Amino acid sequence: MTFPCWSIIMLVKFQKGWAVEHDARAENPDGDDAEKIYRLLEEQIIPLYYQVSEKGIPLEWVRLMKETVKSAASGFSARRMVKQYIEKFYSSSIKHALED
């Protein structure tokens, strides 16, 4: 499934790519999105969560959560935030101050 750049991807499962494609041309776009989300939840996500080992641990779910944190954590770090602030705000402010 390919998504145009403006498409709304509502759910993502890192590495495998759970996604719901928004169809603005649907008769009822919001209802269509809701139906797709519920179907995805009922058929894939919820069963995965409740698939447990003999010890009652949802091993595949835990693996997925660890993989997701590992894949996404760098985008939510304080280091990334400070670097982004410097690049987007402080650098241009300093540059303009030096030009005056």
N, C-alpha and C. Protein backbone atom coordinates (compact mmCIF):
# COMPACT_ATOMS: atom_id res chain seq x y z
N MET A 1 0.85 -1.16 0.00
CA MET A 1 0.00 0.00 0.00
C MET A 1 0.90 1.23 0.00
N THR A 2 0.64 2.15 -0.90
CA THR A 2 1.41 3.39 -0.93
C THR A 2 0.53 4.54 -0.46
N PHE A 3 1.13 5.50 0.21
CA PHE A 3 0.41 6.64 0.74
C PHE A 3 0.94 7.92 0.12
N PRO A 4 0.05 8.79 -0.38
CA PRO A 4 0.52 10.11 -0.80
C PRO A 4 1.07 10.85 0.42
N CYS A 5 1.91 11.84 0.19
CA CYS A 5 2.55 12.53 1.32
C CYS A 5 1.54 13.18 2.25
N TRP A 6 0.35 13.55 1.77
CA TRP A 6 -0.64 14.21 2.61
C TRP A 6 -1.53 13.22 3.34
N SER A 7 -1.37 11.95 3.03
CA SER A 7 -2.22 10.93 3.63
C SER A 7 -2.03 10.86 5.14
N ILE A 8 -3.09 10.58 5.85
CA ILE A 8 -3.02 10.45 7.30
C ILE A 8 -2.77 8.99 7.64
N ILE A 9 -1.62 8.71 8.24
CA ILE A 9 -1.33 7.36 8.70
C ILE A 9 -1.64 7.36 10.18
N MET A 10 -2.65 6.61 10.57
CA MET A 10 -3.16 6.73 11.93
C MET A 10 -2.52 5.74 12.91
N LEU A 11 -2.13 4.60 12.44
CA LEU A 11 -1.52 3.62 13.32
C LEU A 11 -0.28 3.07 12.64
N VAL A 12 0.80 2.96 13.37
CA VAL A 12 2.02 2.43 12.78
C VAL A 12 2.59 1.36 13.68
N LYS A 13 2.90 0.22 13.12
CA LYS A 13 3.62 -0.83 13.83
C LYS A 13 5.00 -0.85 13.20
N PHE A 14 5.99 -0.39 13.94
CA PHE A 14 7.34 -0.31 13.39
C PHE A 14 7.77 -1.66 12.84
N GLN A 15 8.49 -1.63 11.77
CA GLN A 15 9.03 -2.75 11.04
C GLN A 15 8.00 -3.41 10.12
N LYS A 16 6.76 -3.53 10.50
CA LYS A 16 5.78 -4.21 9.66
C LYS A 16 4.77 -3.24 9.07
N GLY A 17 4.51 -2.15 9.71
CA GLY A 17 3.72 -1.09 9.15
C GLY A 17 2.21 -1.19 9.23
N TRP A 18 1.66 -1.33 10.42
CA TRP A 18 0.22 -1.19 10.53
C TRP A 18 -0.12 0.23 10.16
N ALA A 19 -1.08 0.41 9.32
CA ALA A 19 -1.47 1.77 8.95
C ALA A 19 -2.91 1.77 8.48
N VAL A 20 -3.53 2.91 8.61
CA VAL A 20 -4.88 3.11 8.12
C VAL A 20 -4.80 4.28 7.15
N GLU A 21 -5.18 4.04 5.92
CA GLU A 21 -5.12 5.09 4.91
C GLU A 21 -6.42 5.88 4.91
N HIS A 22 -6.29 7.19 4.98
CA HIS A 22 -7.45 8.09 4.96
C HIS A 22 -7.90 8.27 3.52
N ASP A 23 -9.18 8.07 3.26
CA ASP A 23 -9.74 8.26 1.93
C ASP A 23 -10.71 9.44 1.98
N ALA A 24 -10.24 10.61 1.58
CA ALA A 24 -11.06 11.82 1.62
C ALA A 24 -12.24 11.74 0.65
N ARG A 25 -12.16 10.85 -0.33
CA ARG A 25 -13.24 10.73 -1.32
C ARG A 25 -14.37 9.82 -0.85
N ALA A 26 -14.19 9.15 0.28
CA ALA A 26 -15.23 8.25 0.78
C ALA A 26 -16.49 9.07 1.09
N GLU A 27 -17.64 8.40 1.01
CA GLU A 27 -18.92 9.09 1.29
C GLU A 27 -18.92 9.68 2.70
N ASN A 28 -18.36 8.93 3.65
CA ASN A 28 -18.27 9.39 5.04
C ASN A 28 -16.83 9.13 5.50
N PRO A 29 -15.90 10.05 5.21
CA PRO A 29 -14.48 9.79 5.50
C PRO A 29 -14.20 9.44 6.96
N ASP A 30 -14.84 10.13 7.90
CA ASP A 30 -14.60 9.84 9.32
C ASP A 30 -15.11 8.44 9.67
N GLY A 31 -16.29 8.10 9.19
CA GLY A 31 -16.84 6.77 9.45
C GLY A 31 -16.00 5.69 8.81
N ASP A 32 -15.50 5.97 7.61
CA ASP A 32 -14.63 5.03 6.92
C ASP A 32 -13.34 4.80 7.71
N ASP A 33 -12.75 5.90 8.21
CA ASP A 33 -11.54 5.79 9.03
C ASP A 33 -11.82 4.97 10.28
N ALA A 34 -12.94 5.27 10.95
CA ALA A 34 -13.29 4.54 12.17
C ALA A 34 -13.46 3.06 11.90
N GLU A 35 -14.14 2.72 10.81
CA GLU A 35 -14.34 1.31 10.46
C GLU A 35 -13.00 0.60 10.24
N LYS A 36 -12.09 1.26 9.52
CA LYS A 36 -10.77 0.68 9.27
C LYS A 36 -9.99 0.48 10.58
N ILE A 37 -10.07 1.46 11.46
CA ILE A 37 -9.35 1.36 12.75
C ILE A 37 -9.92 0.22 13.58
N TYR A 38 -11.25 0.14 13.68
CA TYR A 38 -11.86 -0.94 14.47
C TYR A 38 -11.53 -2.31 13.89
N ARG A 39 -11.55 -2.43 12.56
CA ARG A 39 -11.22 -3.70 11.93
C ARG A 39 -9.78 -4.09 12.24
N LEU A 40 -8.87 -3.14 12.13
CA LEU A 40 -7.47 -3.39 12.42
C LEU A 40 -7.29 -3.80 13.89
N LEU A 41 -7.95 -3.08 14.78
CA LEU A 41 -7.87 -3.42 16.20
C LEU A 41 -8.41 -4.83 16.45
N GLU A 42 -9.60 -5.12 15.93
CA GLU A 42 -10.25 -6.40 16.19
C GLU A 42 -9.52 -7.58 15.56
N GLU A 43 -8.98 -7.40 14.37
CA GLU A 43 -8.39 -8.53 13.64
C GLU A 43 -6.90 -8.73 13.88
N GLN A 44 -6.18 -7.65 14.24
CA GLN A 44 -4.73 -7.79 14.36
C GLN A 44 -4.16 -7.36 15.71
N ILE A 45 -4.50 -6.17 16.15
CA ILE A 45 -3.83 -5.60 17.32
C ILE A 45 -4.29 -6.26 18.62
N ILE A 46 -5.59 -6.32 18.86
CA ILE A 46 -6.10 -6.91 20.11
C ILE A 46 -5.74 -8.39 20.23
N PRO A 47 -5.91 -9.20 19.16
CA PRO A 47 -5.48 -10.59 19.29
C PRO A 47 -4.00 -10.74 19.64
N LEU A 48 -3.16 -9.87 19.09
CA LEU A 48 -1.74 -9.92 19.41
C LEU A 48 -1.50 -9.64 20.89
N TYR A 49 -2.23 -8.67 21.42
CA TYR A 49 -2.09 -8.30 22.83
C TYR A 49 -2.49 -9.45 23.75
N TYR A 50 -3.53 -10.17 23.39
CA TYR A 50 -4.02 -11.25 24.25
C TYR A 50 -3.43 -12.62 23.96
N GLN A 51 -2.51 -12.71 23.03
CA GLN A 51 -1.81 -13.95 22.75
C GLN A 51 -0.68 -14.08 23.78
N VAL A 52 -0.91 -14.90 24.81
CA VAL A 52 0.03 -14.95 25.93
C VAL A 52 0.73 -16.30 26.03
N SER A 53 1.87 -16.29 26.68
CA SER A 53 2.65 -17.50 26.93
C SER A 53 2.03 -18.28 28.09
N GLU A 54 2.63 -19.40 28.42
CA GLU A 54 2.15 -20.21 29.55
C GLU A 54 2.18 -19.42 30.86
N LYS A 55 3.07 -18.44 30.93
CA LYS A 55 3.18 -17.61 32.14
C LYS A 55 2.26 -16.39 32.10
N GLY A 56 1.45 -16.29 31.05
CA GLY A 56 0.51 -15.18 30.94
C GLY A 56 1.12 -13.90 30.41
N ILE A 57 2.27 -14.00 29.76
CA ILE A 57 2.96 -12.82 29.24
C ILE A 57 2.75 -12.74 27.73
N PRO A 58 2.30 -11.60 27.23
CA PRO A 58 2.12 -11.45 25.78
C PRO A 58 3.48 -11.19 25.12
N LEU A 59 4.24 -12.26 24.88
CA LEU A 59 5.62 -12.15 24.43
C LEU A 59 5.77 -11.36 23.13
N GLU A 60 4.94 -11.61 22.15
CA GLU A 60 5.05 -10.89 20.88
C GLU A 60 4.72 -9.41 21.07
N TRP A 61 3.75 -9.12 21.93
CA TRP A 61 3.39 -7.72 22.22
C TRP A 61 4.56 -7.01 22.91
N VAL A 62 5.17 -7.68 23.88
CA VAL A 62 6.31 -7.09 24.60
C VAL A 62 7.46 -6.86 23.62
N ARG A 63 7.71 -7.83 22.72
CA ARG A 63 8.77 -7.67 21.72
C ARG A 63 8.48 -6.45 20.84
N LEU A 64 7.23 -6.33 20.42
CA LEU A 64 6.84 -5.21 19.58
C LEU A 64 7.02 -3.88 20.31
N MET A 65 6.63 -3.82 21.57
CA MET A 65 6.78 -2.57 22.33
C MET A 65 8.25 -2.20 22.50
N LYS A 66 9.09 -3.19 22.78
CA LYS A 66 10.52 -2.92 22.91
C LYS A 66 11.10 -2.43 21.59
N GLU A 67 10.70 -3.07 20.49
CA GLU A 67 11.17 -2.68 19.17
C GLU A 67 10.72 -1.26 18.83
N THR A 68 9.50 -0.94 19.19
CA THR A 68 8.96 0.39 18.92
C THR A 68 9.71 1.46 19.71
N VAL A 69 9.94 1.22 20.99
CA VAL A 69 10.68 2.18 21.81
C VAL A 69 12.09 2.35 21.25
N LYS A 70 12.73 1.24 20.88
CA LYS A 70 14.08 1.31 20.34
C LYS A 70 14.10 2.10 19.03
N SER A 71 13.10 1.92 18.20
CA SER A 71 13.04 2.60 16.90
C SER A 71 12.70 4.08 17.04
N ALA A 72 11.88 4.43 18.00
CA ALA A 72 11.37 5.80 18.08
C ALA A 72 12.02 6.65 19.15
N ALA A 73 12.72 6.07 20.08
CA ALA A 73 13.23 6.80 21.24
C ALA A 73 14.12 7.98 20.87
N SER A 74 14.95 7.81 19.86
CA SER A 74 15.89 8.89 19.52
C SER A 74 15.15 10.16 19.07
N GLY A 75 13.96 10.01 18.54
CA GLY A 75 13.19 11.16 18.11
C GLY A 75 12.56 11.92 19.26
N PHE A 76 12.61 11.36 20.46
CA PHE A 76 11.97 11.98 21.61
C PHE A 76 12.96 12.28 22.73
N SER A 77 14.22 12.46 22.38
CA SER A 77 15.24 12.70 23.39
C SER A 77 15.44 14.20 23.63
N ALA A 78 15.93 14.53 24.80
CA ALA A 78 16.24 15.92 25.13
C ALA A 78 17.37 16.43 24.23
N ARG A 79 18.29 15.56 23.89
CA ARG A 79 19.41 15.95 23.01
C ARG A 79 18.88 16.40 21.65
N ARG A 80 17.96 15.63 21.09
CA ARG A 80 17.37 15.99 19.80
C ARG A 80 16.62 17.31 19.91
N MET A 81 15.90 17.50 21.00
CA MET A 81 15.12 18.72 21.19
C MET A 81 16.04 19.95 21.26
N VAL A 82 17.09 19.86 22.04
CA VAL A 82 18.02 20.99 22.18
C VAL A 82 18.68 21.29 20.84
N LYS A 83 19.10 20.25 20.13
CA LYS A 83 19.73 20.44 18.82
C LYS A 83 18.76 21.12 17.86
N GLN A 84 17.51 20.68 17.88
CA GLN A 84 16.50 21.27 17.00
C GLN A 84 16.24 22.74 17.35
N TYR A 85 16.16 23.06 18.63
CA TYR A 85 15.97 24.45 19.06
C TYR A 85 17.13 25.32 18.60
N ILE A 86 18.34 24.82 18.77
CA ILE A 86 19.52 25.59 18.34
C ILE A 86 19.46 25.85 16.84
N GLU A 87 19.19 24.80 16.06
CA GLU A 87 19.17 24.93 14.61
C GLU A 87 18.03 25.83 14.12
N LYS A 88 16.86 25.67 14.69
CA LYS A 88 15.69 26.40 14.18
C LYS A 88 15.53 27.80 14.75
N PHE A 89 15.94 28.01 15.98
CA PHE A 89 15.65 29.29 16.63
C PHE A 89 16.89 30.09 16.99
N TYR A 90 17.79 29.50 17.75
CA TYR A 90 18.91 30.26 18.28
C TYR A 90 19.92 30.65 17.22
N SER A 91 20.22 29.74 16.30
CA SER A 91 21.21 30.05 15.27
C SER A 91 20.80 31.25 14.44
N SER A 92 19.54 31.30 14.01
CA SER A 92 19.09 32.43 13.19
C SER A 92 19.05 33.71 14.02
N SER A 93 18.68 33.62 15.30
CA SER A 93 18.67 34.81 16.17
C SER A 93 20.07 35.37 16.35
N ILE A 94 21.02 34.50 16.58
CA ILE A 94 22.41 34.94 16.74
C ILE A 94 22.92 35.55 15.44
N LYS A 95 22.60 34.91 14.33
CA LYS A 95 23.03 35.41 13.02
C LYS A 95 22.47 36.80 12.77
N HIS A 96 21.20 37.01 13.05
CA HIS A 96 20.57 38.33 12.85
C HIS A 96 21.15 39.36 13.82
N ALA A 97 21.44 38.96 15.04
CA ALA A 97 22.01 39.89 16.03
C ALA A 97 23.41 40.35 15.59
N LEU A 98 24.17 39.43 15.01
CA LEU A 98 25.52 39.77 14.56
C LEU A 98 25.50 40.67 13.33
N GLU A 99 24.44 40.55 12.53
CA GLU A 99 24.34 41.38 11.32
C GLU A 99 23.99 42.83 11.64
N ASP A 100 23.34 43.05 12.77
CA ASP A 100 22.91 44.43 13.14
C ASP A 100 24.05 45.29 13.58
